[in-house]
C-alpha atoms as a PDB file:
ATOM      1  CA  MET A   1       0.226   0.366  -0.169  1.00  0.00           C
ATOM      2  CA  LEU A   2       1.198   3.299  -0.693  1.00  0.00           C
ATOM      3  CA  ASP A   3       1.130   6.360   1.722  1.00  0.00           C
ATOM      4  CA  GLU A   4      -1.319   9.235   1.570  1.00  0.00           C
ATOM      5  CA  ARG A   5       1.238  11.722  -0.591  1.00  0.00           C
ATOM      6  CA  LYS A   6       2.534   9.133  -2.571  1.00  0.00           C
ATOM      7  CA  ALA A   7      -0.935   7.917  -3.550  1.00  0.00           C
ATOM      8  CA  SER A   8      -1.724  11.411  -4.498  1.00  0.00           C
ATOM      9  CA  ILE A   9       1.155  11.886  -6.364  1.00  0.00           C
ATOM     10  CA  LEU A  10       0.740   8.886  -8.341  1.00  0.00           C
ATOM     11  CA  ARG A  11      -2.938  10.062  -9.178  1.00  0.00           C
ATOM     12  CA  ALA A  12      -1.987  13.512 -10.060  1.00  0.00           C
ATOM     13  CA  VAL A  13       0.801  11.853 -12.612  1.00  0.00           C
ATOM     14  CA  VAL A  14      -1.998   9.578 -13.988  1.00  0.00           C
ATOM     15  CA  GLU A  15      -4.618  12.460 -14.476  1.00  0.00           C
ATOM     16  CA  GLU A  16      -2.059  14.640 -15.983  1.00  0.00           C
ATOM     17  CA  TYR A  17      -0.920  12.020 -18.070  1.00  0.00           C
ATOM     18  CA  ILE A  18      -4.486  11.111 -18.995  1.00  0.00           C
ATOM     19  CA  HIS A  19      -5.089  14.673 -20.551  1.00  0.00           C
ATOM     20  CA  SER A  20      -1.835  15.802 -21.936  1.00  0.00           C
ATOM     21  CA  ALA A  21      -0.351  12.066 -23.176  1.00  0.00           C
ATOM     22  CA  GLN A  22       3.069  13.764 -22.159  1.00  0.00           C
ATOM     23  CA  PRO A  23       5.831  12.267 -19.726  1.00  0.00           C
ATOM     24  CA  VAL A  24       4.722  13.894 -16.270  1.00  0.00           C
ATOM     25  CA  GLY A  25       7.598  16.475 -14.658  1.00  0.00           C
ATOM     26  CA  SER A  26       7.891  17.026 -10.684  1.00  0.00           C
ATOM     27  CA  GLY A  27       7.591  20.551 -10.846  1.00  0.00           C
ATOM     28  CA  HIS A  28       4.115  20.277 -12.571  1.00  0.00           C
ATOM     29  CA  ILE A  29       3.087  17.825 -10.372  1.00  0.00           C
ATOM     30  CA  ALA A  30       4.265  19.892  -7.267  1.00  0.00           C
ATOM     31  CA  SER A  31       1.382  22.624  -7.967  1.00  0.00           C
ATOM     32  CA  ALA A  32      -1.274  19.707  -8.891  1.00  0.00           C
ATOM     33  CA  PRO A  33      -4.212  20.053  -6.702  1.00  0.00           C
ATOM     34  CA  GLY A  34      -4.175  17.679  -3.244  1.00  0.00           C
ATOM     35  CA  VAL A  35      -0.610  17.371  -3.629  1.00  0.00           C
ATOM     36  CA  ARG A  36       1.064  20.547  -1.791  1.00  0.00           C
ATOM     37  CA  VAL A  37       4.435  19.613  -1.291  1.00  0.00           C
ATOM     38  CA  SER A  38       7.489  21.063  -2.780  1.00  0.00           C
ATOM     39  CA  SER A  39       8.950  19.499  -6.169  1.00  0.00           C
ATOM     40  CA  ALA A  40      12.270  18.105  -4.292  1.00  0.00           C
ATOM     41  CA  THR A  41       9.317  15.824  -2.424  1.00  0.00           C
ATOM     42  CA  VAL A  42       7.812  15.255  -5.317  1.00  0.00           C
ATOM     43  CA  ARG A  43      10.914  14.406  -7.413  1.00  0.00           C
ATOM     44  CA  ASN A  44      11.779  11.986  -4.594  1.00  0.00           C
ATOM     45  CA  ASP A  45       8.488  10.251  -4.225  1.00  0.00           C
ATOM     46  CA  MET A  46       8.269   9.828  -8.146  1.00  0.00           C
ATOM     47  CA  ALA A  47      11.581   8.013  -7.967  1.00  0.00           C
ATOM     48  CA  VAL A  48      10.324   5.630  -5.488  1.00  0.00           C
ATOM     49  CA  LEU A  49       6.966   4.917  -7.191  1.00  0.00           C
ATOM     50  CA  GLU A  50       9.195   4.274 -10.323  1.00  0.00           C
ATOM     51  CA  GLN A  51      11.216   1.567  -8.312  1.00  0.00           C
ATOM     52  CA  ASP A  52       7.747   0.133  -6.944  1.00  0.00           C
ATOM     53  CA  GLY A  53       6.770  -0.404 -10.567  1.00  0.00           C
ATOM     54  CA  TYR A  54       4.050   2.391 -10.620  1.00  0.00           C
ATOM     55  CA  LEU A  55       5.962   4.875 -12.984  1.00  0.00           C
ATOM     56  CA  HIS A  56       8.364   4.697 -15.759  1.00  0.00           C
ATOM     57  CA  GLN A  57      10.556   7.112 -17.319  1.00  0.00           C
ATOM     58  CA  PRO A  58      10.721   6.613 -21.254  1.00  0.00           C
ATOM     59  CA  HIS A  59      14.603   8.276 -21.368  1.00  0.00           C
ATOM     60  CA  THR A  60      16.779  10.050 -19.189  1.00  0.00           C
ATOM     61  CA  SER A  61      15.682  13.626 -17.817  1.00  0.00           C
ATOM     62  CA  ALA A  62      12.313  12.944 -19.465  1.00  0.00           C
ATOM     63  CA  GLY A  63       8.947  13.157 -16.867  1.00  0.00           C
ATOM     64  CA  ARG A  64       7.286   9.958 -15.884  1.00  0.00           C
ATOM     65  CA  VAL A  65       4.548   7.957 -17.591  1.00  0.00           C
ATOM     66  CA  PRO A  66       2.184   5.496 -15.434  1.00  0.00           C
ATOM     67  CA  THR A  67       2.790   1.717 -15.707  1.00  0.00           C
ATOM     68  CA  ASP A  68      -0.076  -0.668 -16.003  1.00  0.00           C
ATOM     69  CA  LYS A  69       0.510  -1.233 -11.993  1.00  0.00           C
ATOM     70  CA  GLY A  70       0.350   2.617 -12.122  1.00  0.00           C
ATOM     71  CA  TYR A  71      -3.458   2.751 -13.758  1.00  0.00           C
ATOM     72  CA  ARG A  72      -4.592  -0.320 -11.842  1.00  0.00           C
ATOM     73  CA  TYR A  73      -3.715   1.419  -8.286  1.00  0.00           C
ATOM     74  CA  PHE A  74      -5.160   4.756  -9.824  1.00  0.00           C
ATOM     75  CA  VAL A  75      -8.517   2.667 -10.876  1.00  0.00           C
ATOM     76  CA  ASP A  76      -8.489   0.900  -7.709  1.00  0.00           C
ATOM     77  CA  SER A  77      -8.636   3.812  -5.729  1.00  0.00           C
ATOM     78  CA  LEU A  78     -11.738   4.993  -7.721  1.00  0.00           C
ATOM     79  CA  THR A  79     -14.943   4.991  -5.174  1.00  0.00           C
ATOM     80  CA  GLY A  80     -17.298   3.111  -8.375  1.00  0.00           C
ATOM     81  CA  PRO A  81     -18.522   4.767 -11.214  1.00  0.00           C
ATOM     82  CA  ALA A  82     -19.245   8.238 -10.794  1.00  0.00           C
ATOM     83  CA  PRO A  83     -22.477   9.986 -12.328  1.00  0.00           C
ATOM     84  CA  LEU A  84     -21.934  10.616 -15.870  1.00  0.00           C
ATOM     85  CA  ASP A  85     -22.064  14.881 -16.532  1.00  0.00           C
ATOM     86  CA  SER A  86     -25.729  15.941 -16.988  1.00  0.00           C
ATOM     87  CA  ALA A  87     -24.848  16.603 -20.795  1.00  0.00           C
ATOM     88  CA  SER A  88     -23.855  13.397 -21.393  1.00  0.00           C
ATOM     89  CA  ALA A  89     -26.579  11.724 -19.115  1.00  0.00           C
ATOM     90  CA  SER A  90     -29.039  13.744 -21.091  1.00  0.00           C
ATOM     91  CA  ARG A  91     -27.684  12.223 -24.093  1.00  0.00           C
ATOM     92  CA  VAL A  92     -28.055   8.751 -22.732  1.00  0.00           C
ATOM     93  CA  ARG A  93     -31.302   8.938 -21.548  1.00  0.00           C
ATOM     94  CA  ALA A  94     -32.705  10.905 -24.881  1.00  0.00           C
ATOM     95  CA  PHE A  95     -31.581   7.893 -27.059  1.00  0.00           C
ATOM     96  CA  PHE A  96     -32.875   4.883 -24.889  1.00  0.00           C
ATOM     97  CA  ASN A  97     -36.096   7.054 -25.181  1.00  0.00           C
ATOM     98  CA  ARG A  98     -36.458   6.925 -29.078  1.00  0.00           C
ATOM     99  CA  ALA A  99     -34.386   3.824 -29.286  1.00  0.00           C
ATOM    100  CA  HIS A 100     -37.289   1.540 -31.009  1.00  0.00           C
ATOM    101  CA  GLY A 101     -37.167  -1.537 -33.721  1.00  0.00           C
ATOM    102  CA  GLU A 102     -35.265  -4.547 -33.805  1.00  0.00           C
ATOM    103  CA  LEU A 103     -32.424  -5.650 -31.097  1.00  0.00           C
ATOM    104  CA  GLU A 104     -29.895  -5.454 -33.688  1.00  0.00           C
ATOM    105  CA  GLN A 105     -30.198  -1.501 -34.762  1.00  0.00           C
ATOM    106  CA  MET A 106     -30.301  -0.934 -31.206  1.00  0.00           C
ATOM    107  CA  LEU A 107     -27.187  -2.557 -30.539  1.00  0.00           C
ATOM    108  CA  SER A 108     -25.163  -1.111 -33.531  1.00  0.00           C
ATOM    109  CA  ASP A 109     -26.747   2.604 -32.503  1.00  0.00           C
ATOM    110  CA  THR A 110     -25.278   1.830 -28.835  1.00  0.00           C
ATOM    111  CA  THR A 111     -22.227   1.148 -29.575  1.00  0.00           C
ATOM    112  CA  ARG A 112     -21.986   4.617 -31.540  1.00  0.00           C
ATOM    113  CA  LEU A 113     -23.396   6.395 -28.378  1.00  0.00           C
ATOM    114  CA  LEU A 114     -20.785   4.666 -26.121  1.00  0.00           C
ATOM    115  CA  SER A 115     -18.035   5.738 -28.612  1.00  0.00           C
ATOM    116  CA  ASP A 116     -19.159   9.180 -28.773  1.00  0.00           C
ATOM    117  CA  LEU A 117     -19.558   9.511 -24.960  1.00  0.00           C
ATOM    118  CA  THR A 118     -15.811   7.899 -24.060  1.00  0.00           C
ATOM    119  CA  ASP A 119     -13.954   8.562 -27.618  1.00  0.00           C
ATOM    120  CA  THR A 120     -12.759   5.159 -27.963  1.00  0.00           C
ATOM    121  CA  ALA A 121     -14.068   1.502 -29.616  1.00  0.00           C
ATOM    122  CA  ALA A 122     -17.208   0.227 -28.363  1.00  0.00           C
ATOM    123  CA  VAL A 123     -18.231  -3.514 -28.532  1.00  0.00           C
ATOM    124  CA  VAL A 124     -21.540  -4.811 -27.541  1.00  0.00           C
ATOM    125  CA  VAL A 125     -22.206  -8.504 -27.373  1.00  0.00           C
ATOM    126  CA  ALA A 126     -25.622  -9.263 -28.015  1.00  0.00           C
ATOM    127  CA  PRO A 127     -28.101 -12.071 -26.186  1.00  0.00           C
ATOM    128  CA  ALA A 128     -27.232 -15.382 -26.859  1.00  0.00           C
ATOM    129  CA  HIS A 129     -30.483 -16.868 -28.636  1.00  0.00           C
ATOM    130  CA  GLU A 130     -30.074 -20.129 -27.108  1.00  0.00           C
ATOM    131  CA  ALA A 131     -31.250 -19.121 -23.426  1.00  0.00           C
ATOM    132  CA  ALA A 132     -34.181 -16.786 -25.292  1.00  0.00           C
ATOM    133  CA  GLU A 133     -37.993 -18.074 -24.705  1.00  0.00           C
ATOM    134  CA  VAL A 134     -40.463 -17.490 -27.287  1.00  0.00           C
ATOM    135  CA  ARG A 135     -42.446 -14.460 -26.400  1.00  0.00           C
ATOM    136  CA  SER A 136     -44.751 -14.745 -30.017  1.00  0.00           C
ATOM    137  CA  THR A 137     -44.674 -16.017 -33.213  1.00  0.00           C
ATOM    138  CA  HIS A 138     -46.323 -14.732 -36.693  1.00  0.00           C
ATOM    139  CA  LEU A 139     -46.949 -15.992 -40.171  1.00  0.00           C
ATOM    140  CA  VAL A 140     -47.151 -12.992 -42.584  1.00  0.00           C
ATOM    141  CA  ALA A 141     -47.792 -13.715 -46.581  1.00  0.00           C
ATOM    142  CA  LEU A 142     -45.517 -12.265 -48.631  1.00  0.00           C
ATOM    143  CA  SER A 143     -47.174 -13.939 -51.710  1.00  0.00           C
ATOM    144  CA  PRO A 144     -49.340 -16.869 -52.793  1.00  0.00           C
ATOM    145  CA  ARG A 145     -46.862 -19.655 -52.071  1.00  0.00           C
ATOM    146  CA  VAL A 146     -44.079 -17.054 -49.679  1.00  0.00           C
ATOM    147  CA  ALA A 147     -44.942 -16.303 -46.723  1.00  0.00           C
ATOM    148  CA  LEU A 148     -42.620 -14.629 -43.261  1.00  0.00           C
ATOM    149  CA  ALA A 149     -42.140 -16.573 -40.303  1.00  0.00           C
ATOM    150  CA  VAL A 150     -41.571 -14.148 -37.350  1.00  0.00           C
ATOM    151  CA  ALA A 151     -40.268 -15.319 -33.770  1.00  0.00           C
ATOM    152  CA  VAL A 152     -40.131 -12.408 -31.024  1.00  0.00           C
ATOM    153  CA  LEU A 153     -38.036 -13.434 -28.142  1.00  0.00           C
ATOM    154  CA  SER A 154     -37.630 -12.705 -24.495  1.00  0.00           C
ATOM    155  CA  ASN A 155     -34.346 -11.092 -25.076  1.00  0.00           C
ATOM    156  CA  GLY A 156     -35.635  -8.788 -27.762  1.00  0.00           C
ATOM    157  CA  VAL A 157     -34.388 -10.615 -30.577  1.00  0.00           C
ATOM    158  CA  VAL A 158     -36.698 -10.999 -33.484  1.00  0.00           C
ATOM    159  CA  GLU A 159     -36.087 -13.837 -35.895  1.00  0.00           C
ATOM    160  CA  LYS A 160     -37.251 -14.017 -39.249  1.00  0.00           C
ATOM    161  CA  ARG A 161     -37.263 -16.514 -41.913  1.00  0.00           C
ATOM    162  CA  THR A 162     -38.960 -16.882 -45.539  1.00  0.00           C
ATOM    163  CA  LEU A 163     -40.914 -19.519 -46.577  1.00  0.00           C
ATOM    164  CA  GLU A 164     -41.124 -20.947 -49.696  1.00  0.00           C
ATOM    165  CA  LEU A 165     -44.373 -23.152 -50.018  1.00  0.00           C
ATOM    166  CA  SER A 166     -45.347 -26.060 -52.054  1.00  0.00           C
ATOM    167  CA  ALA A 167     -48.858 -24.592 -52.503  1.00  0.00           C
ATOM    168  CA  ASP A 168     -50.825 -21.204 -52.707  1.00  0.00           C
ATOM    169  CA  VAL A 169     -51.888 -20.222 -48.982  1.00  0.00           C
ATOM    170  CA  GLY A 170     -54.791 -18.137 -48.440  1.00  0.00           C
ATOM    171  CA  GLU A 171     -55.077 -15.885 -45.313  1.00  0.00           C
ATOM    172  CA  GLU A 172     -57.566 -18.122 -43.471  1.00  0.00           C
ATOM    173  CA  LEU A 173     -54.879 -20.975 -44.011  1.00  0.00           C
ATOM    174  CA  LEU A 174     -52.064 -18.927 -42.450  1.00  0.00           C
ATOM    175  CA  ALA A 175     -53.910 -17.558 -39.596  1.00  0.00           C
ATOM    176  CA  THR A 176     -54.850 -21.308 -38.579  1.00  0.00           C
ATOM    177  CA  ALA A 177     -51.327 -21.803 -38.809  1.00  0.00           C
ATOM    178  CA  SER A 178     -50.126 -19.085 -37.339  1.00  0.00           C
ATOM    179  CA  SER A 179     -52.229 -20.088 -34.199  1.00  0.00           C
ATOM    180  CA  HIS A 180     -51.365 -23.758 -33.727  1.00  0.00           C
ATOM    181  CA  LEU A 181     -47.306 -22.492 -34.411  1.00  0.00           C
ATOM    182  CA  ALA A 182     -48.011 -20.000 -31.381  1.00  0.00           C
ATOM    183  CA  ALA A 183     -49.740 -22.636 -29.427  1.00  0.00           C
ATOM    184  CA  HIS A 184     -46.225 -25.147 -29.562  1.00  0.00           C
ATOM    185  CA  LEU A 185     -43.662 -21.981 -29.749  1.00  0.00           C
ATOM    186  CA  VAL A 186     -44.695 -20.147 -27.438  1.00  0.00           C
ATOM    187  CA  GLY A 187     -42.855 -20.145 -23.793  1.00  0.00           C
ATOM    188  CA  GLY A 188     -40.307 -22.644 -25.208  1.00  0.00           C
ATOM    189  CA  HIS A 189     -36.766 -22.256 -27.010  1.00  0.00           C
ATOM    190  CA  LEU A 190     -35.821 -22.211 -30.381  1.00  0.00           C
ATOM    191  CA  SER A 191     -32.886 -23.918 -29.946  1.00  0.00           C
ATOM    192  CA  ALA A 192     -34.742 -26.972 -28.983  1.00  0.00           C
ATOM    193  CA  VAL A 193     -37.812 -26.515 -31.675  1.00  0.00           C
ATOM    194  CA  GLY A 194     -38.509 -29.921 -32.803  1.00  0.00           C
ATOM    195  CA  THR A 195     -41.939 -31.498 -34.180  1.00  0.00           C
ATOM    196  CA  VAL A 196     -45.082 -30.005 -33.868  1.00  0.00           C
ATOM    197  CA  ALA A 197     -47.763 -31.939 -33.178  1.00  0.00           C
ATOM    198  CA  SER A 198     -50.633 -32.382 -36.008  1.00  0.00           C
ATOM    199  CA  SER A 199     -52.994 -29.776 -36.218  1.00  0.00           C
ATOM    200  CA  GLY A 200     -55.395 -32.386 -37.898  1.00  0.00           C
ATOM    201  CA  ASP A 201     -54.904 -30.922 -41.374  1.00  0.00           C
ATOM    202  CA  PRO A 202     -52.497 -31.506 -43.809  1.00  0.00           C
ATOM    203  CA  ALA A 203     -52.616 -28.066 -45.417  1.00  0.00           C
ATOM    204  CA  THR A 204     -51.867 -26.569 -41.813  1.00  0.00           C
ATOM    205  CA  ASP A 205     -49.278 -28.898 -41.227  1.00  0.00           C
ATOM    206  CA  ALA A 206     -47.060 -28.236 -43.928  1.00  0.00           C
ATOM    207  CA  VAL A 207     -47.184 -24.632 -43.466  1.00  0.00           C
ATOM    208  CA  VAL A 208     -46.334 -25.030 -39.560  1.00  0.00           C
ATOM    209  CA  GLY A 209     -43.389 -27.811 -40.676  1.00  0.00           C
ATOM    210  CA  ALA A 210     -42.109 -25.475 -43.192  1.00  0.00           C
ATOM    211  CA  ALA A 211     -41.577 -22.510 -40.308  1.00  0.00           C
ATOM    212  CA  VAL A 212     -40.449 -25.305 -37.668  1.00  0.00           C
ATOM    213  CA  SER A 213     -38.064 -26.307 -40.218  1.00  0.00           C
ATOM    214  CA  ALA A 214     -36.582 -23.063 -41.038  1.00  0.00           C
ATOM    215  CA  PHE A 215     -36.558 -21.773 -37.356  1.00  0.00           C
ATOM    216  CA  GLY A 216     -34.896 -24.944 -36.189  1.00  0.00           C
ATOM    217  CA  ALA A 217     -32.185 -24.376 -39.416  1.00  0.00           C
ATOM    218  CA  ASP A 218     -28.555 -23.165 -38.666  1.00  0.00           C
ATOM    219  CA  ASP A 219     -28.635 -19.178 -39.816  1.00  0.00           C
ATOM    220  CA  GLY A 220     -24.896 -19.265 -40.179  1.00  0.00           C
ATOM    221  CA  GLN A 221     -24.411 -17.934 -36.811  1.00  0.00           C
ATOM    222  CA  GLY A 222     -22.821 -21.111 -35.289  1.00  0.00           C
ATOM    223  CA  GLU A 223     -21.688 -20.687 -31.583  1.00  0.00           C
ATOM    224  CA  VAL A 224     -20.609 -17.078 -32.507  1.00  0.00           C
ATOM    225  CA  ASP A 225     -22.301 -14.344 -30.464  1.00  0.00           C
ATOM    226  CA  ASN A 226     -23.613 -11.521 -32.673  1.00  0.00           C
ATOM    227  CA  VAL A 227     -20.625  -8.747 -31.810  1.00  0.00           C
ATOM    228  CA  PHE A 228     -21.128  -4.570 -32.630  1.00  0.00           C
ATOM    229  CA  VAL A 229     -18.456  -2.220 -32.721  1.00  0.00           C
ATOM    230  CA  GLY A 230     -18.335   1.362 -33.437  1.00  0.00           C
ATOM    231  CA  GLY A 231     -15.786   3.924 -33.101  1.00  0.00           C
ATOM    232  CA  THR A 232     -12.968   1.889 -34.701  1.00  0.00           C
ATOM    233  CA  ALA A 233     -11.993   5.218 -36.436  1.00  0.00           C
ATOM    234  CA  ARG A 234     -11.012   6.695 -33.190  1.00  0.00           C
ATOM    235  CA  MET A 235      -8.226   4.022 -32.341  1.00  0.00           C
ATOM    236  CA  ALA A 236      -6.277   5.354 -35.224  1.00  0.00           C
ATOM    237  CA  GLY A 237      -5.608   8.910 -33.279  1.00  0.00           C
ATOM    238  CA  ALA A 238      -4.972   6.823 -30.231  1.00  0.00           C
ATOM    239  CA  PHE A 239      -1.302   4.850 -30.873  1.00  0.00           C
ATOM    240  CA  GLU A 240       1.453   6.523 -32.345  1.00  0.00           C
ATOM    241  CA  ALA A 241       2.712   3.056 -34.029  1.00  0.00           C
ATOM    242  CA  VAL A 242       1.117   1.742 -37.067  1.00  0.00           C
ATOM    243  CA  ASP A 243       1.613  -1.458 -36.287  1.00  0.00           C
ATOM    244  CA  THR A 244      -0.439  -1.306 -32.869  1.00  0.00           C
ATOM    245  CA  VAL A 245      -3.283   0.249 -34.777  1.00  0.00           C
ATOM    246  CA  ARG A 246      -3.517  -2.609 -37.105  1.00  0.00           C
ATOM    247  CA  GLN A 247      -3.155  -5.252 -35.114  1.00  0.00           C
ATOM    248  CA  VAL A 248      -6.079  -3.850 -32.440  1.00  0.00           C
ATOM    249  CA  LEU A 249      -8.410  -3.546 -35.387  1.00  0.00           C
ATOM    250  CA  THR A 250      -7.672  -7.208 -36.519  1.00  0.00           C
ATOM    251  CA  ILE A 251      -8.565  -8.344 -32.893  1.00  0.00           C
ATOM    252  CA  LEU A 252     -11.544  -6.446 -33.407  1.00  0.00           C
ATOM    253  CA  GLU A 253     -12.599  -7.554 -36.379  1.00  0.00           C
ATOM    254  CA  GLN A 254     -12.642 -11.077 -34.651  1.00  0.00           C
ATOM    255  CA  GLN A 255     -16.174 -12.213 -33.263  1.00  0.00           C
ATOM    256  CA  LEU A 256     -15.262 -14.841 -31.430  1.00  0.00           C
ATOM    257  CA  VAL A 257     -12.284 -13.653 -29.648  1.00  0.00           C
ATOM    258  CA  VAL A 258     -13.870 -10.415 -28.703  1.00  0.00           C
ATOM    259  CA  VAL A 259     -16.753 -12.601 -27.355  1.00  0.00           C
ATOM    260  CA  THR A 260     -14.010 -14.447 -25.590  1.00  0.00           C
ATOM    261  CA  LEU A 261     -12.409 -11.555 -23.858  1.00  0.00           C
ATOM    262  CA  LEU A 262     -15.423  -9.721 -22.462  1.00  0.00           C
ATOM    263  CA  ARG A 263     -16.800 -12.760 -21.333  1.00  0.00           C
ATOM    264  CA  ASP A 264     -13.370 -13.305 -19.824  1.00  0.00           C
ATOM    265  CA  VAL A 265     -12.939 -10.424 -17.911  1.00  0.00           C
ATOM    266  CA  ILE A 266     -16.085 -10.718 -16.147  1.00  0.00           C
ATOM    267  CA  ASP A 267     -15.293 -14.054 -15.271  1.00  0.00           C
ATOM    268  CA  ARG A 268     -12.634 -12.739 -13.714  1.00  0.00           C
ATOM    269  CA  GLY A 269     -14.493 -10.371 -11.886  1.00  0.00           C
ATOM    270  CA  LEU A 270     -13.104  -7.810 -13.304  1.00  0.00           C
ATOM    271  CA  THR A 271     -14.774  -4.078 -14.476  1.00  0.00           C
ATOM    272  CA  VAL A 272     -11.632  -2.615 -15.912  1.00  0.00           C
ATOM    273  CA  ALA A 273      -8.626  -5.296 -18.137  1.00  0.00           C
ATOM    274  CA  ILE A 274      -5.741  -2.852 -18.129  1.00  0.00           C
ATOM    275  CA  GLY A 275      -3.048  -3.885 -20.431  1.00  0.00           C
ATOM    276  CA  SER A 276      -1.267  -7.434 -19.939  1.00  0.00           C
ATOM    277  CA  GLU A 277      -4.802  -8.139 -18.132  1.00  0.00           C
ATOM    278  CA  THR A 278      -6.547  -8.567 -21.355  1.00  0.00           C
ATOM    279  CA  GLY A 279      -4.897 -11.364 -21.571  1.00  0.00           C
ATOM    280  CA  ILE A 280      -4.202 -10.742 -25.442  1.00  0.00           C
ATOM    281  CA  ALA A 281      -0.728  -9.585 -26.508  1.00  0.00           C
ATOM    282  CA  PRO A 282      -1.741  -7.252 -29.176  1.00  0.00           C
ATOM    283  CA  LEU A 283      -3.883  -5.409 -26.383  1.00  0.00           C
ATOM    284  CA  ALA A 284      -0.562  -4.725 -24.210  1.00  0.00           C
ATOM    285  CA  GLU A 285      -1.151  -0.979 -24.494  1.00  0.00           C
ATOM    286  CA  CYS A 286      -5.265  -0.894 -24.417  1.00  0.00           C
ATOM    287  CA  SER A 287      -7.924  -1.073 -21.556  1.00  0.00           C
ATOM    288  CA  LEU A 288     -11.125  -2.435 -21.343  1.00  0.00           C
ATOM    289  CA  VAL A 289     -14.017  -1.353 -19.283  1.00  0.00           C
ATOM    290  CA  VAL A 290     -16.915  -3.668 -19.271  1.00  0.00           C
ATOM    291  CA  ALA A 291     -20.169  -4.523 -17.525  1.00  0.00           C
ATOM    292  CA  PRO A 292     -22.642  -7.362 -18.107  1.00  0.00           C
ATOM    293  CA  TYR A 293     -26.385  -5.717 -19.228  1.00  0.00           C
ATOM    294  CA  ALA A 294     -29.827  -7.994 -18.322  1.00  0.00           C
ATOM    295  CA  VAL A 295     -33.123  -8.726 -19.534  1.00  0.00           C
ATOM    296  CA  GLU A 296     -35.703  -9.332 -16.875  1.00  0.00           C
ATOM    297  CA  GLY A 297     -33.106  -9.451 -14.322  1.00  0.00           C
ATOM    298  CA  GLU A 298     -31.227 -12.539 -16.658  1.00  0.00           C
ATOM    299  CA  PRO A 299     -27.704 -11.716 -17.651  1.00  0.00           C
ATOM    300  CA  ALA A 300     -27.641 -11.044 -21.455  1.00  0.00           C
ATOM    301  CA  GLY A 301     -25.047  -9.838 -22.871  1.00  0.00           C
ATOM    302  CA  THR A 302     -22.030  -7.791 -22.433  1.00  0.00           C
ATOM    303  CA  ILE A 303     -21.263  -4.156 -23.632  1.00  0.00           C
ATOM    304  CA  GLY A 304     -17.990  -2.680 -23.042  1.00  0.00           C
ATOM    305  CA  VAL A 305     -15.202   0.306 -24.680  1.00  0.00           C
ATOM    306  CA  LEU A 306     -11.694  -0.442 -25.510  1.00  0.00           C
ATOM    307  CA  GLY A 307      -8.928   2.390 -25.542  1.00  0.00           C
ATOM    308  CA  PRO A 308      -5.623   3.277 -25.128  1.00  0.00           C
ATOM    309  CA  THR A 309      -4.295   2.863 -21.304  1.00  0.00           C
ATOM    310  CA  ARG A 310      -4.398   6.421 -20.467  1.00  0.00           C
ATOM    311  CA  MET A 311      -7.896   6.689 -21.388  1.00  0.00           C
ATOM    312  CA  ASP A 312     -10.126   8.534 -18.867  1.00  0.00           C
ATOM    313  CA  TYR A 313     -10.889   5.585 -16.710  1.00  0.00           C
ATOM    314  CA  ALA A 314     -13.694   7.962 -14.540  1.00  0.00           C
ATOM    315  CA  GLN A 315     -15.494   8.687 -17.837  1.00  0.00           C
ATOM    316  CA  ALA A 316     -15.323   5.365 -19.286  1.00  0.00           C
ATOM    317  CA  LEU A 317     -16.691   3.604 -15.960  1.00  0.00           C
ATOM    318  CA  ALA A 318     -19.640   6.228 -15.780  1.00  0.00           C
ATOM    319  CA  ALA A 319     -20.768   5.806 -19.352  1.00  0.00           C
ATOM    320  CA  VAL A 320     -20.798   1.974 -19.487  1.00  0.00           C
ATOM    321  CA  ALA A 321     -22.396   2.104 -16.172  1.00  0.00           C
ATOM    322  CA  LEU A 322     -25.258   3.934 -17.229  1.00  0.00           C
ATOM    323  CA  VAL A 323     -25.520   2.569 -20.827  1.00  0.00           C
ATOM    324  CA  SER A 324     -25.608  -1.015 -19.182  1.00  0.00           C
ATOM    325  CA  LYS A 325     -28.523   0.036 -16.913  1.00  0.00           C
ATOM    326  CA  ARG A 326     -30.349   2.196 -19.454  1.00  0.00           C
ATOM    327  CA  LEU A 327     -30.002  -1.140 -22.117  1.00  0.00           C
ATOM    328  CA  SER A 328     -31.446  -3.498 -19.402  1.00  0.00           C
ATOM    329  CA  GLN A 329     -34.162  -1.281 -18.843  1.00  0.00           C
ATOM    330  CA  ARG A 330     -35.158  -0.804 -22.553  1.00  0.00           C
ATOM    331  CA  LEU A 331     -35.090  -4.688 -23.409  1.00  0.00           C
ATOM    332  CA  SER A 332     -36.975  -5.400 -20.237  1.00  0.00           C
ATOM    333  CA  GLU A 333     -39.815  -3.124 -21.633  1.00  0.00           C
ATOM    334  CA  GLY A 334     -40.003  -5.159 -24.761  1.00  0.00           C
END
């Protein structure tokens, strides 16, 4: 543990480096709020903080920059997510007040909101379909031999399948088939769709069977959840090395890696993963702030922001916490 003086100096160094992205000298820190000691004392304490692994001096005569250990101490000293500033909070409230329509579009728009609030890249992992119950099903005629099967899930996902039928289907038959389908699917899981008991009418059974087969078919997702990423262009300005930018963007393009990373961070009980804590070498200069979101109290997915280790942690934590809360509320409302 650091004594209060060294802790205040370390906090001041981290805050200044986050703001300026330049090595921080002792003279600047001596005049920082909450420090109130001489430059000589600051210089000595910064040397001790460097020896203890909290700070790093890029080159002789330069100021210091925080290490991953220094950032970790800084983040752990924050007293939870602070309230988001009023302008940003109003923006979040307005966004979710008008957020309607399909889940995929809402989650995609949410990444852009988070990216704008934090000036980082944002990631949202969609709810897993397997655990969601079917809330309602509908069959809609597109033409005499083509219908659209729609299933609304409890996690907000709307599944759609186009059915090509072997015979013309009228509105009355489609309505009968729609009712029979709903009676057998609502309250269950699409992943467990099997055969549906006969209605006693071959024409109705043919339509219902086509819908069941369509919902049960692999939609190409496999075992990978939908991942929505926004603000990747912001990463280009966050790092000086082009190779670092390229490696980070490559990671963000790999859905399975992103899903695994966010789940692993949360499973380890972390809200913030700093540098090497992500466990992925190309992200050694990045930090990840994550939070789960829920639907009707049940864990549904994950949101997070990814930026340089010198990101504004207080703002990122506040933004992720509020967006997670409002997204959970919005999805639970249906």
